[in-house]
N, C-alpha and C. Protein backbone atom coordinates (compact mmCIF):
# COMPACT_ATOMS: atom_id res chain seq x y z
N MET A 1 157.86 87.73 172.68
CA MET A 1 157.62 86.37 173.12
C MET A 1 156.20 86.22 173.67
N LYS A 2 155.76 87.21 174.47
CA LYS A 2 154.42 87.16 175.05
C LYS A 2 153.36 87.21 173.95
N ALA A 3 153.59 87.99 172.91
CA ALA A 3 152.65 88.10 171.79
C ALA A 3 152.55 86.77 171.05
N LEU A 4 153.67 86.06 170.92
CA LEU A 4 153.68 84.77 170.25
C LEU A 4 152.87 83.75 171.05
N ILE A 5 153.02 83.74 172.36
CA ILE A 5 152.26 82.82 173.21
C ILE A 5 150.77 83.12 173.11
N ILE A 6 150.41 84.40 173.12
CA ILE A 6 149.00 84.80 173.00
C ILE A 6 148.45 84.35 171.64
N LEU A 7 149.23 84.51 170.60
CA LEU A 7 148.82 84.10 169.26
C LEU A 7 148.61 82.59 169.19
N ILE A 8 149.53 81.82 169.75
CA ILE A 8 149.43 80.36 169.72
C ILE A 8 148.22 79.90 170.54
N VAL A 9 148.04 80.45 171.72
CA VAL A 9 146.88 80.08 172.56
C VAL A 9 145.58 80.45 171.85
N SER A 10 145.53 81.63 171.24
CA SER A 10 144.32 82.06 170.51
C SER A 10 144.02 81.12 169.35
N LEU A 11 145.08 80.72 168.66
CA LEU A 11 144.91 79.80 167.54
C LEU A 11 144.39 78.45 168.03
N LEU A 12 144.94 77.94 169.12
CA LEU A 12 144.49 76.66 169.67
C LEU A 12 143.04 76.73 170.15
N VAL A 13 142.67 77.82 170.79
CA VAL A 13 141.29 78.00 171.25
C VAL A 13 140.34 78.05 170.05
N THR A 14 140.75 78.75 168.99
CA THR A 14 139.92 78.84 167.79
C THR A 14 139.73 77.47 167.14
N VAL A 15 140.80 76.72 167.01
CA VAL A 15 140.72 75.38 166.42
C VAL A 15 139.83 74.48 167.27
N ALA A 16 139.98 74.54 168.59
CA ALA A 16 139.15 73.73 169.49
C ALA A 16 137.68 74.13 169.37
N ALA A 17 137.40 75.43 169.24
CA ALA A 17 136.01 75.89 169.13
C ALA A 17 135.40 75.43 167.81
N VAL A 18 136.17 75.51 166.73
CA VAL A 18 135.66 75.07 165.43
C VAL A 18 135.41 73.56 165.46
N TYR A 19 136.34 72.81 166.01
CA TYR A 19 136.18 71.35 166.10
C TYR A 19 134.98 71.00 166.97
N SER A 20 134.86 71.62 168.12
CA SER A 20 133.75 71.35 169.03
C SER A 20 132.42 71.76 168.40
N GLY A 21 132.42 72.86 167.67
CA GLY A 21 131.21 73.33 167.01
C GLY A 21 130.67 72.34 165.99
N SER A 22 131.55 71.54 165.41
CA SER A 22 131.10 70.56 164.40
C SER A 22 130.18 69.51 165.02
N PHE A 23 130.30 69.28 166.32
CA PHE A 23 129.43 68.29 166.98
C PHE A 23 127.99 68.79 167.09
N LEU A 24 127.80 70.08 166.90
CA LEU A 24 126.45 70.66 166.93
C LEU A 24 125.78 70.60 165.56
N LEU A 25 126.54 70.31 164.53
CA LEU A 25 125.99 70.25 163.18
C LEU A 25 125.43 68.85 162.89
N PRO A 26 124.36 68.77 162.10
CA PRO A 26 123.76 67.46 161.79
C PRO A 26 124.62 66.65 160.82
N VAL A 27 124.36 65.36 160.75
CA VAL A 27 125.07 64.48 159.82
C VAL A 27 124.30 64.32 158.51
N SER A 28 123.27 65.13 158.33
CA SER A 28 122.57 65.17 157.05
C SER A 28 122.12 66.59 156.78
N SER A 29 121.93 66.87 155.53
CA SER A 29 121.47 68.19 155.10
C SER A 29 120.09 68.01 154.49
N GLU A 30 119.11 68.74 154.99
CA GLU A 30 117.75 68.64 154.47
C GLU A 30 117.25 70.01 154.06
N VAL A 31 116.71 70.07 152.85
CA VAL A 31 116.16 71.31 152.31
C VAL A 31 114.75 71.01 151.81
N THR A 32 113.79 71.82 152.24
CA THR A 32 112.41 71.71 151.76
C THR A 32 111.93 73.10 151.41
N LYS A 33 111.51 73.27 150.17
CA LYS A 33 110.98 74.54 149.68
C LYS A 33 109.71 74.24 148.89
N SER A 34 108.84 75.24 148.80
CA SER A 34 107.62 75.05 148.01
C SER A 34 107.24 76.33 147.30
N VAL A 35 106.38 76.18 146.30
CA VAL A 35 105.86 77.30 145.54
C VAL A 35 104.47 76.93 145.05
N VAL A 36 103.61 77.92 144.88
CA VAL A 36 102.28 77.69 144.32
C VAL A 36 102.33 78.14 142.86
N VAL A 37 102.01 77.21 141.97
CA VAL A 37 102.02 77.46 140.53
C VAL A 37 100.59 77.56 140.04
N GLN A 38 100.30 78.55 139.24
CA GLN A 38 98.94 78.77 138.73
C GLN A 38 98.65 77.86 137.53
N ALA A 39 98.62 76.57 137.81
CA ALA A 39 98.32 75.57 136.78
C ALA A 39 97.97 74.27 137.50
N PRO A 40 97.19 73.41 136.85
CA PRO A 40 96.88 72.12 137.46
C PRO A 40 98.11 71.21 137.49
N ALA A 41 98.12 70.27 138.42
CA ALA A 41 99.25 69.35 138.57
C ALA A 41 99.54 68.60 137.28
N GLU A 42 98.52 68.28 136.50
CA GLU A 42 98.70 67.56 135.24
C GLU A 42 99.53 68.35 134.23
N LYS A 43 99.53 69.67 134.35
CA LYS A 43 100.34 70.51 133.44
C LYS A 43 101.73 70.75 134.01
N VAL A 44 101.86 70.80 135.33
CA VAL A 44 103.15 71.06 135.97
C VAL A 44 104.04 69.82 135.96
N PHE A 45 103.46 68.67 136.25
CA PHE A 45 104.23 67.44 136.42
C PHE A 45 105.14 67.10 135.23
N PRO A 46 104.71 67.27 133.97
CA PRO A 46 105.61 66.93 132.86
C PRO A 46 106.92 67.73 132.85
N TYR A 47 106.93 68.92 133.44
CA TYR A 47 108.17 69.71 133.50
C TYR A 47 109.14 69.14 134.54
N LEU A 48 108.63 68.35 135.46
CA LEU A 48 109.48 67.70 136.46
C LEU A 48 109.87 66.30 136.01
N ASN A 49 108.92 65.58 135.44
CA ASN A 49 109.04 64.16 135.12
C ASN A 49 109.87 63.89 133.86
N ASN A 50 110.18 64.92 133.10
CA ASN A 50 110.96 64.78 131.88
C ASN A 50 112.27 65.55 132.06
N PRO A 51 113.41 64.87 132.16
CA PRO A 51 114.66 65.58 132.42
C PRO A 51 115.03 66.62 131.36
N THR A 52 114.54 66.46 130.13
CA THR A 52 114.87 67.44 129.10
C THR A 52 114.15 68.77 129.34
N GLN A 53 113.13 68.77 130.20
CA GLN A 53 112.41 70.00 130.52
C GLN A 53 113.06 70.78 131.66
N TRP A 54 113.98 70.18 132.40
CA TRP A 54 114.58 70.83 133.56
C TRP A 54 115.35 72.09 133.20
N GLU A 55 115.96 72.11 132.03
CA GLU A 55 116.75 73.30 131.66
C GLU A 55 115.87 74.53 131.50
N LYS A 56 114.56 74.36 131.37
CA LYS A 56 113.64 75.50 131.24
C LYS A 56 113.40 76.20 132.57
N TRP A 57 113.66 75.50 133.69
CA TRP A 57 113.34 76.10 134.99
C TRP A 57 114.41 75.89 136.06
N ASN A 58 115.30 74.95 135.91
CA ASN A 58 116.28 74.64 136.95
C ASN A 58 117.38 75.70 137.02
N ALA A 59 117.82 76.03 138.24
CA ALA A 59 118.87 77.05 138.44
C ALA A 59 120.20 76.62 137.83
N TRP A 60 120.42 75.33 137.72
CA TRP A 60 121.64 74.85 137.08
C TRP A 60 121.39 74.85 135.57
N ASN A 61 121.75 75.96 134.92
CA ASN A 61 121.49 76.12 133.51
C ASN A 61 122.69 76.80 132.84
N LYS A 62 122.54 77.10 131.56
CA LYS A 62 123.63 77.72 130.79
C LYS A 62 123.98 79.11 131.29
N THR A 63 123.01 79.82 131.91
CA THR A 63 123.31 81.13 132.46
C THR A 63 124.23 80.98 133.67
N TYR A 64 123.96 80.00 134.52
CA TYR A 64 124.78 79.75 135.71
C TYR A 64 126.16 79.24 135.32
N ASP A 65 126.20 78.32 134.37
CA ASP A 65 127.47 77.73 133.92
C ASP A 65 127.44 77.61 132.40
N PRO A 66 127.97 78.60 131.68
CA PRO A 66 127.93 78.59 130.22
C PRO A 66 128.61 77.38 129.58
N THR A 67 129.50 76.71 130.31
CA THR A 67 130.20 75.55 129.76
C THR A 67 129.41 74.25 129.95
N MET A 68 128.24 74.35 130.56
CA MET A 68 127.47 73.16 130.91
C MET A 68 127.00 72.38 129.68
N ILE A 69 127.13 71.08 129.79
CA ILE A 69 126.65 70.15 128.77
C ILE A 69 125.72 69.18 129.48
N ARG A 70 124.57 68.89 128.87
CA ARG A 70 123.62 67.94 129.45
C ARG A 70 123.55 66.69 128.57
N LEU A 71 123.46 65.55 129.23
CA LEU A 71 123.26 64.27 128.55
C LEU A 71 122.05 63.61 129.17
N TYR A 72 121.27 62.91 128.34
CA TYR A 72 120.05 62.26 128.82
C TYR A 72 120.09 60.79 128.44
N GLY A 73 119.38 59.97 129.21
CA GLY A 73 119.31 58.56 128.89
C GLY A 73 118.11 57.90 129.53
N GLY A 74 117.93 56.63 129.21
CA GLY A 74 116.78 55.90 129.73
C GLY A 74 115.52 56.33 129.02
N PRO A 75 114.37 56.04 129.62
CA PRO A 75 113.12 56.52 129.02
C PRO A 75 113.07 58.05 129.09
N MET A 76 112.26 58.66 128.26
CA MET A 76 112.17 60.13 128.25
C MET A 76 111.54 60.68 129.52
N THR A 77 110.67 59.92 130.15
CA THR A 77 109.99 60.39 131.35
C THR A 77 109.90 59.28 132.38
N GLY A 78 109.71 59.68 133.62
CA GLY A 78 109.41 58.74 134.69
C GLY A 78 110.59 57.91 135.16
N LYS A 79 110.25 56.85 135.87
CA LYS A 79 111.25 55.98 136.49
C LYS A 79 112.26 55.50 135.45
N GLY A 80 113.54 55.63 135.78
CA GLY A 80 114.61 55.20 134.89
C GLY A 80 115.19 56.31 134.04
N ALA A 81 114.46 57.41 133.88
CA ALA A 81 115.00 58.53 133.11
C ALA A 81 116.17 59.13 133.89
N TYR A 82 117.18 59.57 133.16
CA TYR A 82 118.30 60.20 133.88
C TYR A 82 118.91 61.30 133.04
N GLN A 83 119.67 62.13 133.74
CA GLN A 83 120.41 63.20 133.07
C GLN A 83 121.72 63.41 133.79
N GLN A 84 122.68 63.95 133.04
CA GLN A 84 123.98 64.33 133.59
C GLN A 84 124.23 65.77 133.19
N TRP A 85 124.80 66.51 134.13
CA TRP A 85 125.29 67.86 133.85
C TRP A 85 126.80 67.79 133.97
N ASN A 86 127.47 68.54 133.16
CA ASN A 86 128.91 68.65 133.30
C ASN A 86 129.32 70.06 132.90
N GLY A 87 130.04 70.74 133.78
CA GLY A 87 130.47 72.10 133.49
C GLY A 87 131.59 72.52 134.42
N ASP A 88 132.22 73.63 134.08
CA ASP A 88 133.33 74.12 134.88
C ASP A 88 132.91 74.48 136.31
N LYS A 89 131.75 75.12 136.48
CA LYS A 89 131.29 75.49 137.82
C LYS A 89 130.64 74.33 138.55
N LEU A 90 129.88 73.53 137.82
CA LEU A 90 129.10 72.47 138.43
C LEU A 90 129.86 71.18 138.66
N GLY A 91 130.84 70.93 137.85
CA GLY A 91 131.46 69.63 137.88
C GLY A 91 130.54 68.65 137.17
N MET A 92 130.68 67.37 137.48
CA MET A 92 129.81 66.37 136.87
C MET A 92 128.77 65.91 137.88
N VAL A 93 127.52 66.03 137.49
CA VAL A 93 126.40 65.65 138.35
C VAL A 93 125.54 64.66 137.59
N GLN A 94 125.18 63.55 138.23
CA GLN A 94 124.30 62.58 137.62
C GLN A 94 123.05 62.43 138.47
N MET A 95 121.90 62.45 137.82
CA MET A 95 120.63 62.31 138.53
C MET A 95 119.77 61.31 137.76
N HIS A 96 119.12 60.43 138.53
CA HIS A 96 118.18 59.52 137.87
C HIS A 96 116.89 59.42 138.69
N PHE A 97 115.79 59.31 137.96
CA PHE A 97 114.47 59.22 138.58
C PHE A 97 114.26 57.78 139.07
N THR A 98 113.92 57.65 140.33
CA THR A 98 113.76 56.32 140.92
C THR A 98 112.31 55.89 141.06
N GLU A 99 111.40 56.84 141.10
CA GLU A 99 109.97 56.52 141.21
C GLU A 99 109.17 57.70 140.69
N SER A 100 108.11 57.40 139.95
CA SER A 100 107.27 58.45 139.39
C SER A 100 105.81 58.04 139.50
N THR A 101 105.01 58.90 140.12
CA THR A 101 103.58 58.68 140.25
C THR A 101 102.85 59.91 139.72
N PRO A 102 102.62 59.95 138.39
CA PRO A 102 101.98 61.13 137.81
C PRO A 102 100.55 61.32 138.35
N PRO A 103 100.10 62.51 138.56
CA PRO A 103 100.84 63.77 138.54
C PRO A 103 101.18 64.25 139.94
N SER A 104 101.50 63.34 140.85
CA SER A 104 101.65 63.78 142.24
C SER A 104 103.04 63.68 142.85
N GLN A 105 103.87 62.71 142.44
CA GLN A 105 105.19 62.57 143.08
C GLN A 105 106.25 62.08 142.12
N LEU A 106 107.46 62.58 142.35
CA LEU A 106 108.63 62.15 141.60
C LEU A 106 109.80 62.06 142.57
N TYR A 107 110.45 60.89 142.61
CA TYR A 107 111.62 60.67 143.45
C TYR A 107 112.85 60.56 142.56
N TYR A 108 113.98 61.05 143.07
CA TYR A 108 115.23 60.93 142.32
C TYR A 108 116.41 60.78 143.26
N LYS A 109 117.52 60.32 142.70
CA LYS A 109 118.81 60.27 143.39
C LYS A 109 119.78 61.08 142.55
N GLN A 110 120.64 61.83 143.25
CA GLN A 110 121.61 62.70 142.58
C GLN A 110 122.98 62.49 143.20
N GLN A 111 123.99 62.38 142.35
CA GLN A 111 125.36 62.16 142.81
C GLN A 111 126.27 63.15 142.11
N VAL A 112 127.10 63.85 142.90
CA VAL A 112 128.11 64.74 142.34
C VAL A 112 129.42 63.96 142.29
N LYS A 113 130.03 63.88 141.11
CA LYS A 113 131.27 63.10 140.96
C LYS A 113 132.34 63.66 141.89
N GLY A 114 133.00 62.74 142.60
CA GLY A 114 134.07 63.12 143.51
C GLY A 114 133.58 63.41 144.92
N GLU A 115 132.26 63.43 145.11
CA GLU A 115 131.70 63.67 146.45
C GLU A 115 131.23 62.33 147.02
N PRO A 116 131.42 62.10 148.31
CA PRO A 116 131.09 60.80 148.88
C PRO A 116 129.61 60.61 149.25
N TYR A 117 128.79 61.59 149.00
CA TYR A 117 127.40 61.50 149.42
C TYR A 117 126.45 61.53 148.23
N GLU A 118 125.22 61.10 148.51
CA GLU A 118 124.17 61.07 147.50
C GLU A 118 122.98 61.86 148.02
N THR A 119 122.33 62.58 147.14
CA THR A 119 121.14 63.34 147.51
C THR A 119 119.91 62.58 147.05
N ILE A 120 118.95 62.45 147.95
CA ILE A 120 117.65 61.86 147.64
C ILE A 120 116.66 63.01 147.57
N GLY A 121 115.93 63.11 146.47
CA GLY A 121 114.99 64.20 146.31
C GLY A 121 113.60 63.71 145.99
N VAL A 122 112.62 64.53 146.33
CA VAL A 122 111.23 64.20 146.00
C VAL A 122 110.47 65.50 145.70
N PHE A 123 109.70 65.44 144.63
CA PHE A 123 108.75 66.50 144.31
C PHE A 123 107.37 65.97 144.67
N SER A 124 106.61 66.75 145.43
CA SER A 124 105.23 66.40 145.73
C SER A 124 104.35 67.53 145.20
N LEU A 125 103.36 67.16 144.41
CA LEU A 125 102.44 68.15 143.85
C LEU A 125 101.10 68.00 144.55
N GLN A 126 100.64 69.09 145.13
CA GLN A 126 99.40 69.10 145.90
C GLN A 126 98.40 70.01 145.19
N PRO A 127 97.34 69.42 144.59
CA PRO A 127 96.35 70.23 143.90
C PRO A 127 95.63 71.19 144.86
N MET A 128 95.39 72.39 144.37
CA MET A 128 94.63 73.38 145.11
C MET A 128 93.47 73.80 144.19
N ALA A 129 92.68 74.77 144.59
CA ALA A 129 91.50 75.16 143.82
C ALA A 129 91.81 75.40 142.34
N ASP A 130 92.66 76.35 142.03
CA ASP A 130 93.00 76.66 140.64
C ASP A 130 94.51 76.68 140.42
N SER A 131 95.22 75.97 141.28
CA SER A 131 96.68 75.98 141.21
C SER A 131 97.24 74.69 141.82
N THR A 132 98.56 74.62 141.91
CA THR A 132 99.24 73.45 142.47
C THR A 132 100.38 73.91 143.36
N ARG A 133 100.45 73.34 144.56
CA ARG A 133 101.61 73.58 145.42
C ARG A 133 102.65 72.51 145.08
N VAL A 134 103.84 72.98 144.70
CA VAL A 134 104.95 72.10 144.39
C VAL A 134 105.90 72.15 145.58
N VAL A 135 106.12 71.01 146.22
CA VAL A 135 107.03 70.91 147.36
C VAL A 135 108.24 70.10 146.90
N TRP A 136 109.43 70.68 147.09
CA TRP A 136 110.67 70.03 146.69
C TRP A 136 111.49 69.77 147.94
N GLN A 137 111.71 68.49 148.23
CA GLN A 137 112.51 68.08 149.40
C GLN A 137 113.78 67.40 148.91
N GLN A 138 114.89 67.72 149.58
CA GLN A 138 116.17 67.10 149.25
C GLN A 138 116.89 66.76 150.55
N LYS A 139 117.41 65.54 150.62
CA LYS A 139 118.14 65.11 151.81
C LYS A 139 119.46 64.49 151.37
N THR A 140 120.53 64.96 152.01
CA THR A 140 121.86 64.46 151.71
C THR A 140 122.50 64.00 153.01
N SER A 141 122.87 62.73 153.08
CA SER A 141 123.60 62.21 154.23
C SER A 141 125.06 62.60 154.09
N LEU A 142 125.64 63.06 155.19
CA LEU A 142 127.03 63.51 155.19
C LEU A 142 127.90 62.53 155.95
N GLU A 143 129.18 62.57 155.69
CA GLU A 143 130.11 61.78 156.49
C GLU A 143 130.15 62.38 157.89
N ASP A 144 130.39 61.56 158.87
CA ASP A 144 130.39 62.03 160.27
C ASP A 144 131.80 62.48 160.68
N ASN A 145 132.24 63.58 160.06
CA ASN A 145 133.51 64.19 160.47
C ASN A 145 133.35 65.70 160.38
N PRO A 146 134.15 66.46 161.13
CA PRO A 146 133.97 67.91 161.19
C PRO A 146 134.00 68.61 159.83
N MET A 147 134.94 68.24 158.96
CA MET A 147 135.05 68.92 157.67
C MET A 147 133.80 68.68 156.82
N ALA A 148 133.32 67.44 156.78
CA ALA A 148 132.13 67.12 155.98
C ALA A 148 130.90 67.84 156.52
N LYS A 149 130.79 67.96 157.83
CA LYS A 149 129.64 68.65 158.43
C LYS A 149 129.65 70.13 158.08
N TYR A 150 130.81 70.78 158.15
CA TYR A 150 130.88 72.19 157.79
C TYR A 150 130.62 72.38 156.30
N LYS A 151 131.19 71.50 155.49
CA LYS A 151 130.96 71.58 154.05
C LYS A 151 129.46 71.38 153.76
N GLY A 152 128.84 70.44 154.45
CA GLY A 152 127.40 70.20 154.31
C GLY A 152 126.57 71.40 154.73
N PHE A 153 127.00 72.08 155.78
CA PHE A 153 126.29 73.27 156.25
C PHE A 153 126.28 74.35 155.17
N PHE A 154 127.44 74.63 154.58
CA PHE A 154 127.52 75.66 153.54
C PHE A 154 126.85 75.21 152.25
N ARG A 155 126.95 73.93 151.93
CA ARG A 155 126.26 73.41 150.75
C ARG A 155 124.75 73.52 150.92
N LYS A 156 124.26 73.32 152.14
CA LYS A 156 122.82 73.46 152.39
C LYS A 156 122.36 74.88 152.07
N LEU A 157 123.12 75.87 152.48
CA LEU A 157 122.77 77.26 152.18
C LEU A 157 122.70 77.49 150.67
N GLN A 158 123.66 76.94 149.95
CA GLN A 158 123.69 77.06 148.50
C GLN A 158 122.49 76.33 147.88
N THR A 159 122.20 75.13 148.37
CA THR A 159 121.07 74.35 147.85
C THR A 159 119.75 75.05 148.10
N GLU A 160 119.58 75.67 149.28
CA GLU A 160 118.36 76.41 149.55
C GLU A 160 118.17 77.53 148.54
N ASN A 161 119.23 78.25 148.24
CA ASN A 161 119.17 79.35 147.27
C ASN A 161 118.84 78.82 145.87
N GLU A 162 119.52 77.77 145.44
CA GLU A 162 119.27 77.20 144.11
C GLU A 162 117.87 76.63 143.99
N THR A 163 117.37 76.02 145.07
CA THR A 163 116.02 75.45 145.06
C THR A 163 114.98 76.56 144.94
N GLU A 164 115.16 77.63 145.70
CA GLU A 164 114.23 78.77 145.60
C GLU A 164 114.25 79.37 144.20
N GLN A 165 115.44 79.53 143.62
CA GLN A 165 115.56 80.06 142.26
C GLN A 165 114.84 79.16 141.26
N SER A 166 115.05 77.86 141.40
CA SER A 166 114.44 76.90 140.48
C SER A 166 112.92 76.93 140.57
N LEU A 167 112.39 76.90 141.79
CA LEU A 167 110.94 76.92 141.96
C LEU A 167 110.35 78.24 141.47
N SER A 168 111.05 79.33 141.70
CA SER A 168 110.59 80.62 141.21
C SER A 168 110.56 80.63 139.68
N SER A 169 111.56 80.03 139.05
CA SER A 169 111.58 79.93 137.59
C SER A 169 110.45 79.05 137.07
N LEU A 170 110.16 77.97 137.78
CA LEU A 170 109.05 77.10 137.40
C LEU A 170 107.73 77.88 137.44
N LYS A 171 107.55 78.63 138.51
CA LYS A 171 106.34 79.45 138.65
C LYS A 171 106.27 80.49 137.53
N SER A 172 107.38 81.16 137.26
CA SER A 172 107.42 82.17 136.20
C SER A 172 107.13 81.58 134.83
N LEU A 173 107.57 80.36 134.60
CA LEU A 173 107.32 79.67 133.34
C LEU A 173 105.82 79.57 133.08
N PHE A 174 105.07 79.20 134.10
CA PHE A 174 103.61 79.06 133.95
C PHE A 174 102.91 80.43 133.91
N GLU A 175 103.45 81.40 134.64
CA GLU A 175 102.87 82.74 134.57
C GLU A 175 103.05 83.32 133.17
N ALA A 176 104.20 83.08 132.56
CA ALA A 176 104.45 83.55 131.20
C ALA A 176 103.52 82.87 130.21
N GLN A 177 103.28 81.56 130.40
CA GLN A 177 102.37 80.83 129.52
C GLN A 177 100.94 81.37 129.65
N SER A 178 100.49 81.64 130.88
CA SER A 178 99.12 82.10 131.06
C SER A 178 98.95 83.53 130.56
N SER A 179 99.98 84.37 130.65
CA SER A 179 99.86 85.74 130.13
C SER A 179 99.89 85.74 128.60
N THR A 180 100.60 84.79 127.99
CA THR A 180 100.62 84.66 126.54
C THR A 180 99.25 84.22 126.03
N LYS A 181 98.60 83.30 126.75
CA LYS A 181 97.27 82.83 126.35
C LYS A 181 96.23 83.92 126.50
N ALA A 182 96.44 84.84 127.45
CA ALA A 182 95.47 85.90 127.71
C ALA A 182 95.47 86.93 126.58
N LEU A 183 96.58 87.01 125.83
CA LEU A 183 96.68 87.99 124.75
C LEU A 183 95.88 87.62 123.57
C-alpha cells in the first residue's frame, strides 16, 4: 500500500512538473542557420528561387523519404511559385513563395497538412568578397498549450538539423561545381 501511494504521488509530481515546465517554453519556434557558399549571390539565388531546384539541396528528398512525390505550380520562379511534398515520412507539406527580391531575399510560407501552424521562412543572401553568406530563418507560431509547446520544442530540434543538412548540401553543390570546372 505504501509503495502504491509513493507511486501515485511520484506520478502526480511528474505530471505537475511537466505541465509547469511548459510555461517556460516559447509560443513560437525560431530557427536561424547560415552557410558561406563559394559563389556569387546571382548564381546561388536561382537554386532557392526555383522550387524545382530544391530537390538538389534540400534535406527533404528521396533519400530521406523514398516515397516522396513533388508537385509544382504557379510561375517557375519567384513570387507565386509553389511546391508540395507528399510522402510516408513527411506527410503532405505545401510551400509557396510570397516575396522574391533577386538576388538577395526570398520569403515563403509553409504548411504541414493536419498541423494547426504555419511556418514563415526567409532566405537572405549577403554578398562577400568571393562568396555569399546564405542565412535561412524560419519562424513557426505554436498554439498556447502545453502539448503544442513541447511538440514545437522537439520539432525545432528536428528543423535545426534539417536546415543545417540543407545548407550544407547547398554549399557542397557549389563546391562540386567549382571542382568540376577546375578539371
